[in-house]
Amino acid sequence: MINIHFIINPIAGSGKNELDIKLLREYFDAHTFNIVLKYSEYKGHAVKLTNDSIKDDARIIVACGGDGTINEVASTLIGTSILLGIIPIGSGNGLASNLSIPKNIKKALRLIQQQQFTTIDVGCVNNRYFFSNTGLGLPANVIEKYELSEKRTLLSYVRATFKSVNQYTKKEKLQIQINEKTTYLNPFLILISNSNEMGYNMSLTPKANLQDGLLDVIVIPEIKLIKMLYFGLCMLFRKPEYLKEALCFQSDHITLLRTPGSGFQSQIDGELVKFEDQKLTISIKERSLNVII
Protein backbone atom coordinates (compact mmCIF):
# COMPACT_ATOMS: atom_id res chain seq x y z
CA MET A 1 0.00 0.00 0.00
CA ILE A 2 1.36 3.40 -1.03
CA ASN A 3 0.74 6.20 1.46
CA ILE A 4 -0.03 9.42 -0.42
CA HIS A 5 -0.66 12.55 1.65
CA PHE A 6 -2.18 15.77 0.32
CA ILE A 7 -1.30 18.95 2.23
CA ILE A 8 -3.79 21.60 1.19
CA ASN A 9 -3.77 25.34 1.75
CA PRO A 10 -7.54 25.98 1.85
CA ILE A 11 -7.19 29.73 1.14
CA ALA A 12 -4.70 29.44 -1.75
CA GLY A 13 -5.66 31.30 -4.90
CA SER A 14 -9.39 31.96 -4.89
CA GLY A 15 -9.86 29.71 -1.87
CA LYS A 16 -12.06 27.39 -3.92
CA ASN A 17 -10.92 24.00 -5.23
CA GLU A 18 -12.46 20.65 -5.92
CA LEU A 19 -9.99 18.52 -4.00
CA ASP A 20 -11.77 15.85 -1.97
CA ILE A 21 -11.62 12.11 -1.44
CA LYS A 22 -14.22 11.43 -4.13
CA LEU A 23 -12.13 13.16 -6.80
CA LEU A 24 -8.84 11.67 -5.60
CA ARG A 25 -10.24 8.13 -5.70
CA GLU A 26 -10.73 8.55 -9.46
CA TYR A 27 -6.92 8.61 -9.77
CA PHE A 28 -5.71 6.63 -6.74
CA ASP A 29 -7.58 3.36 -6.18
CA ALA A 30 -8.18 2.05 -2.67
CA HIS A 31 -6.33 -1.23 -3.34
CA THR A 32 -3.05 0.57 -4.08
CA PHE A 33 -3.17 3.94 -2.30
CA ASN A 34 -3.92 5.04 1.23
CA ILE A 35 -5.02 8.68 0.88
CA VAL A 36 -4.66 11.23 3.68
CA LEU A 37 -5.84 14.86 3.39
CA LYS A 38 -4.42 17.55 5.65
CA TYR A 39 -5.24 21.26 5.75
CA SER A 40 -2.80 23.96 6.78
CA GLU A 41 -4.24 26.55 9.16
CA TYR A 42 -1.46 29.13 9.48
CA LYS A 43 1.88 30.18 8.04
CA GLY A 44 4.42 27.44 8.77
CA HIS A 45 1.78 24.80 9.57
CA ALA A 46 2.55 22.82 6.41
CA VAL A 47 6.05 22.16 7.79
CA LYS A 48 4.59 20.38 10.83
CA LEU A 49 2.05 18.52 8.70
CA THR A 50 4.81 17.31 6.38
CA ASN A 51 6.98 16.14 9.28
CA ASP A 52 4.02 14.17 10.62
CA SER A 53 3.50 12.63 7.18
CA ILE A 54 7.15 11.56 7.06
CA LYS A 55 6.71 9.83 10.43
CA ASP A 56 3.63 8.09 9.00
CA ASP A 57 5.73 6.64 6.14
CA ALA A 58 4.22 8.68 3.33
CA ARG A 59 5.74 7.72 -0.02
CA ILE A 60 4.29 10.72 -1.88
CA ILE A 61 3.47 14.10 -0.31
CA VAL A 62 1.50 16.51 -2.48
CA ALA A 63 1.66 20.26 -1.85
CA CYS A 64 -1.64 21.85 -2.89
CA GLY A 65 -1.29 25.61 -2.92
CA GLY A 66 1.02 28.35 -4.16
CA ASP A 67 4.79 28.77 -3.99
CA GLY A 68 4.65 29.47 -0.23
CA THR A 69 2.89 26.18 0.53
CA ILE A 70 5.21 24.31 -1.83
CA ASN A 71 8.21 25.87 -0.08
CA GLU A 72 7.05 24.69 3.35
CA VAL A 73 6.40 21.12 2.19
CA ALA A 74 9.47 20.82 -0.05
CA SER A 75 11.84 22.26 2.57
CA THR A 76 10.97 19.33 4.80
CA LEU A 77 11.61 16.73 2.07
CA ILE A 78 15.14 17.75 1.04
CA GLY A 79 17.52 14.82 1.09
CA THR A 80 14.77 12.21 1.48
CA SER A 81 13.53 9.66 -1.05
CA ILE A 82 9.94 10.88 -0.70
CA LEU A 83 8.36 12.21 -3.88
CA LEU A 84 6.95 15.73 -3.92
CA GLY A 85 3.78 16.18 -5.92
CA ILE A 86 2.47 19.63 -6.78
CA ILE A 87 -1.06 20.82 -7.44
CA PRO A 88 -0.66 24.54 -8.21
CA ILE A 89 -3.78 26.22 -6.85
CA GLY A 90 -2.02 29.40 -5.70
CA SER A 91 -1.70 32.75 -7.40
CA GLY A 92 1.82 32.97 -8.87
CA ASN A 93 2.76 29.27 -9.23
CA GLY A 94 6.29 30.02 -10.43
CA LEU A 95 7.92 26.65 -9.65
CA ALA A 96 5.02 24.63 -11.07
CA SER A 97 5.13 26.65 -14.28
CA ASN A 98 8.88 26.06 -14.63
CA LEU A 99 8.26 22.33 -14.21
CA SER A 100 5.37 22.40 -16.74
CA ILE A 101 2.89 21.22 -14.12
CA PRO A 102 -0.58 22.25 -15.33
CA LYS A 103 -2.87 24.48 -13.27
CA ASN A 104 -5.79 22.23 -14.15
CA ILE A 105 -6.27 20.05 -11.05
CA LYS A 106 -7.28 16.92 -12.93
CA LYS A 107 -4.30 17.15 -15.28
CA ALA A 108 -1.97 17.69 -12.32
CA LEU A 109 -3.47 14.62 -10.60
CA ARG A 110 -2.84 12.58 -13.72
CA LEU A 111 0.86 13.44 -13.53
CA ILE A 112 1.03 12.44 -9.86
CA GLN A 113 -0.73 9.19 -10.69
CA GLN A 114 2.10 8.29 -13.09
CA GLN A 115 4.79 8.96 -10.45
CA GLN A 116 7.44 10.02 -12.96
CA PHE A 117 9.88 12.31 -11.23
CA THR A 118 13.06 14.32 -11.60
CA THR A 119 15.58 15.57 -9.05
CA ILE A 120 16.16 19.31 -8.81
CA ASP A 121 18.58 21.74 -7.18
CA VAL A 122 17.59 23.71 -4.10
CA GLY A 123 18.72 27.19 -3.06
CA CYS A 124 19.62 28.00 0.53
CA VAL A 125 19.72 31.37 2.35
CA ASN A 126 21.42 30.82 5.71
CA ASN A 127 19.00 28.30 7.24
CA ARG A 128 16.09 28.85 4.83
CA TYR A 129 15.50 27.02 1.53
CA PHE A 130 14.12 28.39 -1.71
CA PHE A 131 13.08 26.60 -4.89
CA SER A 132 12.19 29.44 -7.24
CA ASN A 133 14.01 32.58 -6.08
CA THR A 134 14.94 34.96 -3.32
CA GLY A 135 15.20 38.73 -3.67
CA LEU A 136 16.07 41.92 -1.85
CA GLY A 137 15.25 45.55 -2.53
CA LEU A 138 12.32 45.92 -4.90
CA PRO A 139 11.26 42.21 -4.84
CA ALA A 140 10.97 42.28 -1.04
CA ASN A 141 9.10 45.60 -1.06
CA VAL A 142 6.66 44.31 -3.67
CA ILE A 143 5.88 41.18 -1.63
CA GLU A 144 5.47 43.27 1.53
CA LYS A 145 2.75 45.32 -0.17
CA TYR A 146 1.29 42.34 -2.02
CA GLU A 147 0.73 40.48 1.27
CA LEU A 148 -1.34 43.44 2.48
CA SER A 149 -3.70 43.23 -0.50
CA GLU A 150 -7.15 41.71 -0.03
CA LYS A 151 -6.85 39.45 -3.06
CA ARG A 152 -3.83 37.54 -4.37
CA THR A 153 -4.23 38.30 -8.07
CA LEU A 154 -2.03 39.52 -10.92
CA LEU A 155 -3.67 42.94 -10.66
CA SER A 156 -2.79 43.09 -6.96
CA TYR A 157 0.80 42.18 -7.80
CA VAL A 158 1.02 44.90 -10.47
CA ARG A 159 -0.39 47.46 -8.04
CA ALA A 160 2.11 46.41 -5.39
CA THR A 161 4.92 46.77 -7.92
CA PHE A 162 3.90 50.29 -8.92
CA LYS A 163 3.58 51.33 -5.28
CA SER A 164 7.03 49.96 -4.51
CA VAL A 165 8.64 51.71 -7.48
CA ASN A 166 6.88 54.97 -6.59
CA GLN A 167 8.06 54.77 -2.97
CA TYR A 168 11.58 53.62 -3.80
CA THR A 169 14.21 55.34 -1.70
CA LYS A 170 17.94 54.84 -1.32
CA LYS A 171 18.92 51.89 0.82
CA GLU A 172 21.98 51.18 2.91
CA LYS A 173 24.91 49.90 0.92
CA LEU A 174 25.51 46.19 0.61
CA GLN A 175 28.77 44.40 0.12
CA ILE A 176 28.04 41.77 -2.51
CA GLN A 177 30.45 38.94 -3.17
CA ILE A 178 29.82 36.82 -6.25
CA ASN A 179 32.31 34.41 -7.80
CA GLU A 180 34.98 35.73 -5.39
CA LYS A 181 34.55 39.29 -6.68
CA THR A 182 33.38 42.05 -4.38
CA THR A 183 31.50 45.16 -5.35
CA TYR A 184 29.63 47.84 -3.44
CA LEU A 185 26.23 48.87 -4.68
CA ASN A 186 23.20 50.78 -3.55
CA PRO A 187 20.89 48.21 -5.12
CA PHE A 188 17.45 48.84 -6.50
CA LEU A 189 17.05 45.10 -6.90
CA ILE A 190 18.84 41.82 -6.21
CA LEU A 191 17.25 38.59 -7.42
CA ILE A 192 18.84 35.17 -7.03
CA SER A 193 17.04 32.42 -8.92
CA ASN A 194 17.01 28.66 -9.00
CA SER A 195 14.14 28.51 -11.50
CA ASN A 196 13.31 30.60 -14.55
CA GLU A 197 9.99 32.00 -13.31
CA MET A 198 8.89 34.39 -10.58
CA GLY A 199 5.19 33.63 -11.00
CA TYR A 200 2.48 35.03 -13.28
CA ASN A 201 4.71 33.95 -16.19
CA MET A 202 7.20 36.74 -15.43
CA SER A 203 10.95 36.28 -15.22
CA LEU A 204 14.14 38.20 -14.54
CA THR A 205 16.27 35.11 -15.06
CA PRO A 206 14.78 33.34 -18.11
CA LYS A 207 17.87 31.15 -18.59
CA ALA A 208 17.90 29.73 -15.05
CA ASN A 209 17.92 25.94 -14.85
CA LEU A 210 16.75 23.76 -11.95
CA GLN A 211 19.43 21.15 -12.62
CA ASP A 212 22.62 23.00 -13.58
CA GLY A 213 24.10 23.37 -10.10
CA LEU A 214 24.13 27.17 -10.42
CA LEU A 215 22.08 30.12 -9.27
CA ASP A 216 21.27 32.91 -11.71
CA VAL A 217 21.78 36.37 -10.24
CA ILE A 218 20.65 39.77 -11.45
CA VAL A 219 21.63 42.97 -9.67
CA ILE A 220 20.23 46.38 -10.58
CA PRO A 221 22.12 49.22 -8.88
CA GLU A 222 20.51 52.54 -7.98
CA ILE A 223 18.71 53.88 -11.07
CA LYS A 224 16.43 56.80 -11.85
CA LEU A 225 12.67 56.49 -12.22
CA ILE A 226 12.70 56.53 -16.04
CA LYS A 227 15.12 53.60 -16.00
CA MET A 228 12.89 51.76 -13.51
CA LEU A 229 9.97 52.07 -15.92
CA TYR A 230 12.13 50.91 -18.81
CA PHE A 231 13.30 47.97 -16.73
CA GLY A 232 9.65 47.05 -16.13
CA LEU A 233 9.15 46.78 -19.89
CA CYS A 234 12.30 44.66 -20.21
CA MET A 235 10.94 42.33 -17.54
CA LEU A 236 7.61 41.93 -19.35
CA PHE A 237 9.48 40.78 -22.47
CA ARG A 238 11.87 38.58 -20.43
CA LYS A 239 14.85 40.65 -21.55
CA PRO A 240 16.22 42.19 -18.33
CA GLU A 241 19.70 42.34 -19.87
CA TYR A 242 18.48 45.11 -22.19
CA LEU A 243 18.94 47.48 -19.26
CA LYS A 244 22.65 48.29 -19.56
CA GLU A 245 22.99 48.80 -15.80
CA ALA A 246 21.86 45.22 -15.13
CA LEU A 247 24.61 42.97 -13.78
CA CYS A 248 23.98 39.30 -14.54
CA PHE A 249 25.94 36.41 -13.02
CA GLN A 250 25.85 32.69 -12.41
CA SER A 251 27.28 31.34 -9.19
CA ASP A 252 26.94 28.56 -6.65
CA HIS A 253 27.80 30.85 -3.72
CA ILE A 254 26.84 34.46 -3.00
CA THR A 255 27.56 36.48 0.13
CA LEU A 256 25.67 39.64 1.13
CA LEU A 257 26.88 41.88 3.95
CA ARG A 258 24.79 44.72 5.31
CA THR A 259 26.80 47.77 6.36
CA PRO A 260 25.97 48.93 8.91
CA GLY A 261 24.41 45.70 10.15
CA SER A 262 20.68 46.27 10.33
CA GLY A 263 19.44 42.95 9.05
CA PHE A 264 17.75 42.10 5.75
CA GLN A 265 14.23 42.15 4.43
CA SER A 266 13.82 39.67 1.61
CA GLN A 267 11.27 37.59 -0.21
CA ILE A 268 11.67 33.84 -0.48
CA ASP A 269 9.42 32.09 -2.99
CA GLY A 270 6.91 34.91 -2.79
CA GLU A 271 6.80 35.16 1.01
CA LEU A 272 8.24 38.04 3.05
CA VAL A 273 11.13 36.95 5.30
CA LYS A 274 13.15 39.11 7.69
CA PHE A 275 16.67 38.16 8.74
CA GLU A 276 18.33 39.67 11.79
CA ASP A 277 21.71 38.46 10.50
CA GLN A 278 24.24 40.98 9.21
CA LYS A 279 25.44 38.40 6.67
CA LEU A 280 23.52 36.25 4.22
CA THR A 281 25.21 33.25 2.66
CA ILE A 282 23.32 31.99 -0.37
CA SER A 283 24.28 28.62 -1.82
CA ILE A 284 22.86 25.68 -3.75
CA LYS A 285 22.27 22.03 -2.87
CA GLU A 286 22.52 20.08 -6.10
CA ARG A 287 19.91 17.47 -7.01
CA SER A 288 18.44 17.21 -3.51
CA LEU A 289 14.65 17.15 -4.06
CA ASN A 290 12.56 14.58 -5.93
CA VAL A 291 9.63 16.19 -7.75
CA ILE A 292 6.91 14.47 -9.77
CA ILE A 293 6.65 16.07 -13.23
Foldseek 3Di string as FASTA:
>chain_A
DAEEEEEAACPAAVSDDDDDPVVLCVLAPPVGYDYHYHYADDQLRLLVVLVVVVVVVHQEYEQEHALSSVQSNQVNCFQHNRAYQYAYRHAFRFVCVLVVQDNPRVSSSNLVSVVDKFFFKWKDKPHGIFQFKKKAALQLQLLVQLVVDPHNYPVSSVVSSVVSLVPDDFDFWKWKAFPNDTDIARWNMKMKGQGQGLGPRWGQRNPHHGAPQKIKMKTAGDDDSVLVVVCVVCRVVNRNVVSVRIDIDIHQKMKMAGVVQQWGWMDGSSHIDTGSDRMIIMGMDHRGHMYRD
